[in-house]
Amino acid sequence: MPEKYGFSGWVWILAAVVVVGFVVLGSYLVQTQQRLKAVEIELGRAKEDAKQVADQAKAEAAEDEKQIVRLKEEAALERQALQSQVEATKQAKAAAAEREKQIAKLRQGIAGCEEFFNEWEVRGAPASISAIAALGREAAAAKDCLDKGDVATACKHWQGLLVEIEKMGPPVSESRGDIEELMRQNRCASN
């Protein structure tokens, strides 16, 4: 074959093969470069999409964090309100217990129908306080007598009150009319 084409023929064939090779190789390189650009574009889009997803996830995480903080604050406020209610309940119970004690003491201190309070002075108390306490005891004893149906003993208590009220003078003696009216209503005998 080399004789038929000669040396220059082989050069042309070799040159043609090299040119065709370069064309094929160039075409392949161009296609590869286009594919690489397409991959780069896709990669860029994927990165952008990933960035958007990451940004959205960060925004959602930040919003979730805000909600968690808000819920914690609300829980703290509710806890404080509950503690305040518990304290108020404790205070109300303590106040009710104290009132019960006071009522029990008052019940023990109220004179019954059969009791006549002869000592109008309480040691260590001012005379006016002692007198008011004694008046209250005698009036309570008279009411207890009425509640029990013992009008005669109630009248004795009222008569004792009139004597002591007269000794005290105004303004206490101004209540004399009320006691006399009670005595009239219950038909107490005058002494």
Protein backbone atom coordinates (compact mmCIF):
# COMPACT_ATOMS: atom_id res chain seq x y z
CA MET A 1 0.00 0.00 0.00
CA PRO A 2 2.68 2.47 0.72
CA GLU A 3 3.77 2.30 -2.90
CA LYS A 4 0.34 2.96 -4.29
CA TYR A 5 -0.23 6.18 -2.34
CA GLY A 6 3.32 7.16 -1.84
CA PHE A 7 4.78 8.81 1.13
CA SER A 8 2.84 11.99 0.72
CA GLY A 9 -0.41 10.02 0.51
CA TRP A 10 0.27 8.56 3.87
CA VAL A 11 0.91 11.95 5.28
CA TRP A 12 -2.38 13.12 3.89
CA ILE A 13 -4.18 10.12 5.30
CA LEU A 14 -2.45 10.59 8.61
CA ALA A 15 -3.22 14.29 8.47
CA ALA A 16 -6.85 13.47 7.62
CA VAL A 17 -7.02 11.02 10.55
CA VAL A 18 -5.47 13.60 12.87
CA VAL A 19 -7.87 16.30 11.64
CA VAL A 20 -10.86 13.95 11.99
CA GLY A 21 -9.54 12.98 15.44
CA PHE A 22 -9.23 16.63 16.42
CA VAL A 23 -12.71 17.36 15.10
CA VAL A 24 -14.17 14.38 16.94
CA LEU A 25 -12.15 15.23 20.02
CA GLY A 26 -13.14 18.91 19.76
CA SER A 27 -16.76 17.96 19.30
CA TYR A 28 -16.50 15.65 22.30
CA LEU A 29 -14.84 18.39 24.33
CA VAL A 30 -17.52 20.90 23.33
CA GLN A 31 -20.27 18.45 24.27
CA THR A 32 -18.52 17.63 27.55
CA GLN A 33 -18.11 21.32 28.25
CA GLN A 34 -21.79 21.90 27.52
CA ARG A 35 -22.68 18.99 29.80
CA LEU A 36 -20.40 20.42 32.50
CA LYS A 37 -22.07 23.82 32.16
CA ALA A 38 -25.48 22.12 32.39
CA VAL A 39 -24.27 20.20 35.47
CA GLU A 40 -22.89 23.44 36.93
CA ILE A 41 -26.20 25.16 36.26
CA GLU A 42 -28.07 22.25 37.87
CA LEU A 43 -25.61 22.25 40.74
CA GLY A 44 -26.12 26.02 41.14
CA ARG A 45 -29.89 25.51 41.13
CA ALA A 46 -29.53 22.66 43.63
CA LYS A 47 -27.34 24.86 45.83
CA GLU A 48 -29.87 27.69 45.57
CA ASP A 49 -32.71 25.28 46.37
CA ALA A 50 -30.69 23.87 49.26
CA LYS A 51 -29.97 27.41 50.48
CA GLN A 52 -33.66 28.30 50.27
CA VAL A 53 -34.60 25.12 52.15
CA ALA A 54 -31.91 25.87 54.75
CA ASP A 55 -33.08 29.49 55.07
CA GLN A 56 -36.69 28.35 55.39
CA ALA A 57 -35.65 25.75 57.99
CA LYS A 58 -33.73 28.46 59.90
CA ALA A 59 -36.73 30.78 59.74
CA GLU A 60 -39.04 28.01 60.95
CA ALA A 61 -36.57 27.11 63.69
CA ALA A 62 -36.41 30.78 64.74
CA GLU A 63 -40.22 30.96 64.76
CA ASP A 64 -40.38 27.73 66.76
CA GLU A 65 -37.85 29.18 69.20
CA LYS A 66 -39.98 32.33 69.56
CA GLN A 67 -43.05 30.19 70.24
CA ILE A 68 -41.12 28.14 72.78
CA VAL A 69 -39.98 31.32 74.54
CA ARG A 70 -43.54 32.71 74.46
CA LEU A 71 -44.95 29.44 75.82
CA LYS A 72 -42.31 29.40 78.56
CA GLU A 73 -43.23 32.98 79.48
CA GLU A 74 -46.94 32.11 79.51
CA ALA A 75 -46.22 29.04 81.63
CA ALA A 76 -44.20 31.17 84.05
CA LEU A 77 -47.04 33.70 84.27
CA GLU A 78 -49.57 30.93 84.81
CA ARG A 79 -47.31 29.41 87.47
CA GLN A 80 -47.10 32.80 89.20
CA ALA A 81 -50.87 33.22 89.00
CA LEU A 82 -51.36 29.74 90.41
CA GLN A 83 -48.92 30.46 93.22
CA SER A 84 -50.76 33.72 93.94
CA GLN A 85 -54.05 31.81 94.05
CA VAL A 86 -52.52 29.21 96.35
CA GLU A 87 -51.23 31.99 98.62
CA ALA A 88 -54.61 33.74 98.56
CA THR A 89 -56.30 30.44 99.41
CA LYS A 90 -53.88 29.86 102.28
CA GLN A 91 -54.49 33.39 103.56
CA ALA A 92 -58.27 32.95 103.23
CA LYS A 93 -58.08 29.65 105.12
CA ALA A 94 -55.94 31.25 107.82
CA ALA A 95 -58.36 34.19 108.07
CA ALA A 96 -61.33 31.81 108.26
CA ALA A 97 -59.59 29.79 110.97
CA GLU A 98 -58.87 33.00 112.88
CA ARG A 99 -62.52 34.07 112.57
CA GLU A 100 -63.60 30.65 113.82
CA LYS A 101 -61.30 31.08 116.83
CA GLN A 102 -62.71 34.54 117.47
CA ILE A 103 -66.28 33.27 117.18
CA ALA A 104 -65.47 30.44 119.60
CA LYS A 105 -63.96 32.94 122.03
CA LEU A 106 -66.99 35.20 121.72
CA ARG A 107 -69.30 32.27 122.34
CA GLN A 108 -67.35 31.41 125.45
CA GLY A 109 -67.39 35.03 126.59
CA ILE A 110 -71.11 35.69 126.04
CA ALA A 111 -73.04 35.68 129.26
CA GLY A 112 -75.82 33.16 129.63
CA CYS A 113 -79.25 33.92 131.05
CA GLU A 114 -78.28 32.74 134.53
CA GLU A 115 -75.13 34.91 134.72
CA PHE A 116 -75.26 38.33 136.29
CA PHE A 117 -72.20 40.45 135.77
CA ASN A 118 -71.61 42.08 139.13
CA GLU A 119 -68.05 43.25 138.63
CA TRP A 120 -68.25 46.22 136.30
CA GLU A 121 -64.52 46.73 136.27
CA VAL A 122 -62.09 44.54 134.36
CA ARG A 123 -58.58 44.63 135.85
CA GLY A 124 -56.10 46.45 133.63
CA ALA A 125 -58.75 47.89 131.26
CA PRO A 126 -59.91 51.52 131.18
CA ALA A 127 -63.18 52.13 133.05
CA SER A 128 -65.07 53.03 129.86
CA ILE A 129 -64.00 49.77 128.14
CA SER A 130 -64.93 47.75 131.25
CA ALA A 131 -68.34 49.42 131.39
CA ILE A 132 -69.05 48.79 127.71
CA ALA A 133 -68.00 45.15 128.08
CA ALA A 134 -70.24 44.78 131.13
CA LEU A 135 -73.19 46.41 129.32
CA GLY A 136 -72.69 44.04 126.40
CA ARG A 137 -72.58 40.99 128.68
CA GLU A 138 -75.76 42.01 130.53
CA ALA A 139 -77.57 42.73 127.24
CA ALA A 140 -76.42 39.37 125.85
CA ALA A 141 -77.58 37.60 129.00
CA ALA A 142 -81.01 39.28 128.72
CA LYS A 143 -81.30 38.18 125.08
CA ASP A 144 -80.33 34.62 126.05
CA CYS A 145 -83.09 34.69 128.66
CA LEU A 146 -85.63 35.79 126.03
CA ASP A 147 -84.43 33.04 123.67
CA LYS A 148 -85.01 30.53 126.46
CA GLY A 149 -88.42 31.99 127.32
CA ASP A 150 -87.32 33.29 130.74
CA VAL A 151 -88.75 36.82 130.59
CA ALA A 152 -88.55 37.43 134.35
CA THR A 153 -84.76 36.93 134.43
CA ALA A 154 -84.37 39.07 131.26
CA CYS A 155 -86.22 41.83 133.11
CA LYS A 156 -83.74 41.57 136.01
CA HIS A 157 -80.84 41.99 133.59
CA TRP A 158 -82.48 45.06 132.01
CA GLN A 159 -83.16 46.59 135.43
CA GLY A 160 -79.47 46.17 136.32
CA LEU A 161 -78.54 47.78 133.00
CA LEU A 162 -80.74 50.81 133.73
CA VAL A 163 -79.01 51.36 137.07
CA GLU A 164 -75.52 51.20 135.54
CA ILE A 165 -76.44 53.31 132.49
CA GLU A 166 -77.75 56.04 134.77
CA LYS A 167 -74.42 56.06 136.64
CA MET A 168 -72.48 56.46 133.36
CA GLY A 169 -74.38 59.46 132.11
CA PRO A 170 -74.48 60.69 128.50
CA PRO A 171 -74.05 59.49 125.81
CA VAL A 172 -74.59 55.97 127.22
CA SER A 173 -77.63 57.03 129.26
CA GLU A 174 -79.33 58.03 126.00
CA SER A 175 -79.94 54.32 125.30
CA ARG A 176 -82.13 54.13 128.41
CA GLY A 177 -85.26 54.59 126.29
CA ASP A 178 -84.46 51.50 124.21
CA ILE A 179 -84.11 49.34 127.31
CA GLU A 180 -87.30 50.74 128.86
CA GLU A 181 -89.13 49.96 125.59
CA LEU A 182 -87.87 46.34 125.74
CA MET A 183 -89.09 46.14 129.33
CA ARG A 184 -92.56 47.49 128.35
CA GLN A 185 -92.82 45.08 125.41
CA ASN A 186 -92.03 42.15 127.70
CA ARG A 187 -94.22 43.47 130.58
CA CYS A 188 -91.42 43.78 133.09
CA ALA A 189 -92.48 45.05 136.53
CA SER A 190 -90.97 48.42 137.49
CA ASN A 191 -89.17 48.76 140.80
